[in-house]
Protein backbone atom coordinates (compact mmCIF):
# COMPACT_ATOMS: atom_id res chain seq x y z
CA MET A 1 -41.17 -4.25 35.46
CA HIS A 2 -38.32 -6.18 37.11
CA ALA A 3 -37.92 -3.45 39.75
CA VAL A 4 -41.65 -3.58 40.52
CA LYS A 5 -41.49 -7.37 41.01
CA VAL A 6 -38.52 -6.99 43.37
CA VAL A 7 -40.32 -4.34 45.45
CA ARG A 8 -43.48 -6.46 45.67
CA TYR A 9 -41.47 -9.51 46.71
CA GLU A 10 -39.58 -7.61 49.40
CA LEU A 11 -42.79 -6.14 50.78
CA ALA A 12 -44.31 -9.62 50.97
CA MET A 13 -41.21 -10.96 52.73
CA THR A 14 -41.28 -8.07 55.21
CA ARG A 15 -44.91 -8.88 56.06
CA SER A 16 -43.98 -12.54 56.48
CA ARG A 17 -41.14 -11.73 58.87
CA MET A 18 -43.33 -9.41 60.92
CA MET A 19 -46.09 -12.01 61.23
CA HIS A 20 -43.89 -14.99 62.09
CA ARG A 21 -40.82 -13.53 63.80
CA ARG A 22 -41.60 -14.96 67.23
CA ILE A 23 -39.77 -18.13 68.17
CA ASP A 24 -42.07 -21.13 68.00
CA PRO A 25 -42.71 -22.17 71.63
CA ARG A 26 -42.81 -25.84 70.61
CA PHE A 27 -39.04 -25.85 70.12
CA LYS A 28 -36.45 -25.74 72.89
CA PRO A 29 -32.62 -25.85 73.04
CA GLY A 30 -31.22 -29.35 72.86
CA MET A 31 -34.07 -30.89 70.88
CA ASN A 32 -31.81 -32.38 68.14
CA LEU A 33 -34.00 -30.95 65.40
CA PHE A 34 -33.34 -31.46 61.71
CA VAL A 35 -34.00 -28.18 59.89
CA ASN A 36 -34.51 -27.77 56.13
CA LEU A 37 -34.17 -24.11 55.11
CA GLY A 38 -35.73 -23.09 51.80
CA CYS A 39 -37.35 -26.49 51.39
CA GLY A 40 -39.94 -25.47 48.77
CA ARG A 41 -42.19 -28.44 48.03
CA HIS A 42 -39.63 -30.90 49.35
CA GLY A 43 -40.21 -30.78 53.09
CA LYS A 44 -39.37 -33.96 54.97
CA PRO A 45 -41.60 -35.66 57.56
CA GLY A 46 -40.25 -35.13 61.07
CA TRP A 47 -38.13 -32.13 60.02
CA VAL A 48 -38.67 -28.41 60.63
CA ASN A 49 -39.26 -27.38 57.01
CA VAL A 50 -38.86 -23.62 56.49
CA ASP A 51 -39.76 -21.69 53.35
CA SER A 52 -40.89 -18.17 52.51
CA ALA A 53 -44.05 -19.51 50.82
CA LEU A 54 -46.61 -22.01 52.04
CA ALA A 55 -46.38 -25.33 50.20
CA PRO A 56 -47.02 -29.00 50.95
CA GLY A 57 -44.57 -30.11 53.64
CA VAL A 58 -43.68 -26.60 54.82
CA THR A 59 -44.04 -26.42 58.61
CA CYS A 60 -42.71 -22.88 59.10
CA VAL A 61 -43.42 -20.01 56.68
CA TYR A 62 -40.61 -17.50 57.05
CA ASP A 63 -38.08 -15.46 55.09
CA CYS A 64 -34.89 -16.66 56.79
CA ARG A 65 -32.45 -14.29 55.09
CA ARG A 66 -32.20 -12.18 58.26
CA HIS A 67 -33.43 -14.43 61.05
CA ILE A 68 -34.47 -18.02 61.71
CA PRO A 69 -37.39 -18.23 64.20
CA LEU A 70 -35.92 -21.08 66.22
CA PRO A 71 -34.17 -21.02 69.60
CA ALA A 72 -30.40 -21.24 69.97
CA SER A 73 -28.82 -24.69 70.08
CA CYS A 74 -32.00 -26.54 69.13
CA ALA A 75 -30.81 -28.31 65.96
CA GLN A 76 -28.60 -31.29 65.33
CA ALA A 77 -28.45 -30.56 61.62
CA VAL A 78 -29.31 -27.84 59.09
CA PHE A 79 -29.82 -28.56 55.40
CA THR A 80 -30.23 -25.99 52.66
CA GLU A 81 -30.30 -26.73 48.93
CA HIS A 82 -30.11 -24.10 46.18
CA LEU A 83 -30.93 -21.24 48.52
CA MET A 84 -27.64 -19.48 49.25
CA GLU A 85 -27.06 -18.43 45.63
CA HIS A 86 -30.22 -16.31 46.02
CA LEU A 87 -28.73 -14.34 48.95
CA ASP A 88 -26.69 -11.16 48.73
CA TYR A 89 -23.09 -12.18 49.37
CA ASP A 90 -22.06 -9.14 51.45
CA ASP A 91 -25.22 -8.35 53.40
CA GLU A 92 -27.34 -11.50 53.68
CA VAL A 93 -24.96 -14.47 53.60
CA PRO A 94 -23.04 -13.55 56.80
CA VAL A 95 -26.33 -13.03 58.69
CA PHE A 96 -27.83 -16.25 57.32
CA LEU A 97 -24.80 -18.35 58.27
CA ALA A 98 -24.61 -16.73 61.71
CA GLU A 99 -28.25 -17.68 62.27
CA CYS A 100 -27.58 -21.25 61.14
CA ARG A 101 -24.69 -21.47 63.57
CA ARG A 102 -26.82 -20.02 66.36
CA ILE A 103 -29.56 -22.65 66.07
CA LEU A 104 -27.09 -25.55 65.77
CA GLN A 105 -25.96 -27.42 68.85
CA ALA A 106 -22.34 -28.11 69.65
CA ASP A 107 -21.04 -30.64 67.10
CA GLY A 108 -24.05 -29.86 64.89
CA ILE A 109 -23.66 -30.10 61.12
CA ILE A 110 -24.71 -27.81 58.30
CA ARG A 111 -25.04 -29.17 54.75
CA ILE A 112 -25.16 -26.58 51.98
CA VAL A 113 -25.94 -27.40 48.36
CA VAL A 114 -25.48 -24.73 45.66
CA PRO A 115 -24.94 -24.71 41.90
CA ASP A 116 -21.23 -25.21 41.25
CA GLY A 117 -19.93 -22.13 39.44
CA ARG A 118 -16.59 -23.79 38.81
CA LYS A 119 -18.27 -26.49 36.71
CA TYR A 120 -19.87 -23.89 34.46
CA LEU A 121 -16.68 -21.90 33.99
CA LEU A 122 -14.57 -24.98 33.28
CA ALA A 123 -17.14 -26.29 30.79
CA TYR A 124 -17.26 -22.94 28.99
CA ALA A 125 -13.47 -22.69 28.84
CA ALA A 126 -13.19 -26.28 27.62
CA GLY A 127 -15.26 -25.65 24.53
CA GLY A 128 -18.86 -25.03 25.34
CA TRP A 129 -21.88 -27.06 24.30
CA ASP A 130 -20.83 -30.68 24.81
CA HIS A 131 -19.18 -29.95 28.15
CA LEU A 132 -22.18 -27.97 29.37
CA ARG A 133 -24.67 -30.61 28.23
CA ALA A 134 -22.71 -33.22 30.19
CA PHE A 135 -23.97 -31.82 33.51
CA SER A 136 -26.19 -28.74 33.24
CA PRO A 137 -29.95 -29.19 33.75
CA LEU A 138 -30.38 -25.81 32.06
CA LEU A 139 -29.91 -27.62 28.75
CA ASP A 140 -32.27 -30.53 29.40
CA GLY A 141 -34.73 -30.27 26.54
CA HIS A 142 -33.96 -26.56 26.14
CA ASP A 143 -33.01 -25.18 22.74
CA GLY A 144 -33.47 -21.51 23.61
CA TYR A 145 -29.80 -20.69 24.19
CA ALA A 146 -27.92 -19.31 21.19
CA THR A 147 -24.43 -19.48 22.70
CA PRO A 148 -22.66 -21.21 25.61
CA MET A 149 -22.21 -17.81 27.24
CA GLU A 150 -25.99 -17.46 27.45
CA VAL A 151 -26.05 -20.69 29.47
CA VAL A 152 -23.32 -19.40 31.76
CA ASN A 153 -25.28 -16.19 32.30
CA ALA A 154 -28.46 -18.17 33.00
CA HIS A 155 -26.54 -19.97 35.75
CA PHE A 156 -25.08 -16.78 37.21
CA ARG A 157 -28.22 -14.65 36.96
CA GLN A 158 -31.38 -16.78 36.60
CA GLY A 159 -33.45 -13.81 35.62
CA GLY A 160 -32.05 -11.72 38.45
CA GLN A 161 -32.84 -14.29 41.14
CA HIS A 162 -29.27 -15.55 41.59
CA ARG A 163 -27.08 -13.15 43.55
CA TYR A 164 -23.78 -15.06 43.75
CA SER A 165 -22.00 -18.09 42.34
CA TYR A 166 -19.83 -20.38 44.44
CA ASP A 167 -16.96 -22.77 44.19
CA PHE A 168 -15.72 -24.86 47.11
CA ASP A 169 -12.97 -22.43 48.17
CA THR A 170 -15.39 -19.49 48.33
CA LEU A 171 -18.07 -21.35 50.26
CA ARG A 172 -15.44 -22.75 52.60
CA GLU A 173 -14.18 -19.23 53.31
CA CYS A 174 -17.74 -18.04 54.05
CA LEU A 175 -18.24 -20.87 56.54
CA LEU A 176 -14.92 -20.36 58.28
CA ARG A 177 -15.55 -16.61 58.61
CA SER A 178 -18.89 -17.46 60.24
CA GLY A 179 -17.23 -19.64 62.86
CA PHE A 180 -17.84 -23.09 61.38
CA GLU A 181 -15.17 -25.78 61.47
CA ASP A 182 -14.09 -28.92 59.58
CA VAL A 183 -15.43 -27.78 56.19
CA ARG A 184 -15.63 -30.67 53.73
CA ASN A 185 -16.35 -30.97 50.03
CA CYS A 186 -18.83 -33.84 49.83
CA ALA A 187 -20.72 -35.53 47.01
CA PHE A 188 -24.34 -36.20 46.19
CA GLY A 189 -25.80 -38.56 48.81
CA GLU A 190 -22.58 -38.53 50.86
CA SER A 191 -22.71 -37.10 54.38
CA ARG A 192 -21.05 -37.64 57.74
CA LEU A 193 -24.64 -37.84 59.03
CA PRO A 194 -26.48 -40.16 56.60
CA GLU A 195 -29.98 -38.85 57.34
CA LEU A 196 -28.80 -35.37 56.34
CA ALA A 197 -28.18 -36.39 52.71
CA ILE A 198 -31.67 -35.51 51.41
CA ASP A 199 -30.25 -34.04 48.18
CA LEU A 200 -32.55 -33.84 45.17
CA VAL A 201 -31.51 -36.08 42.30
CA ALA A 202 -32.62 -33.49 39.75
CA ARG A 203 -29.96 -31.06 40.99
CA ALA A 204 -27.12 -33.52 41.50
CA SER A 205 -25.22 -33.07 38.24
CA GLU A 206 -24.62 -29.32 38.62
CA SER A 207 -24.35 -29.03 42.39
CA LEU A 208 -21.63 -28.47 44.96
CA TYR A 209 -22.11 -30.25 48.32
CA VAL A 210 -20.38 -28.80 51.37
CA GLU A 211 -20.63 -29.65 55.06
CA ALA A 212 -19.24 -27.97 58.17
CA THR A 213 -19.59 -28.36 61.91
CA VAL A 214 -20.05 -26.23 65.00
CA GLY A 215 -17.27 -26.76 67.49
CA ALA A 216 -17.95 -28.46 70.81
């Protein structure tokens, strides 16, 4: 059943890419766009809000794992929250980050938010339940986990949807390999570009916030 769901999803994403792969003629290089990739229902007014499914606030329906349908050097900033952990680390992440770098202008900024794998591992090693409850939204009103390791696996796997878990050093290495510079470990609501800090409060306790720039 899981394999069937995966095949159906990939077929739907292939159709989406084929239908919307052309670059939107409204956008040109140098437009200082703010782009929210994988926005879900949290698209922001005035932003280019991209998601693989149509939802309120989404302005571009597209599966951006392999391509972003925007011209080169059109964006001042790219934001993505709880998307990269769903991408294959070896095949999709390098392409995704290369596309983000392509659409960013010189001195543009990318802000990436992912679940912090280090927090989960440290909490598990420190003794389990109390340490996990201190930050993990997986345990908010949820009594279905029998052991702390089940919580850790829920973070790492999320029913097969999560493909990779990150700490700062690993995400920093990914960004540097993709040509980004000045990689910084930030905090919730803290950004070198204040309007880029559109982080969701509901995800703050478990998240890692990282920013990097494109060189001039």
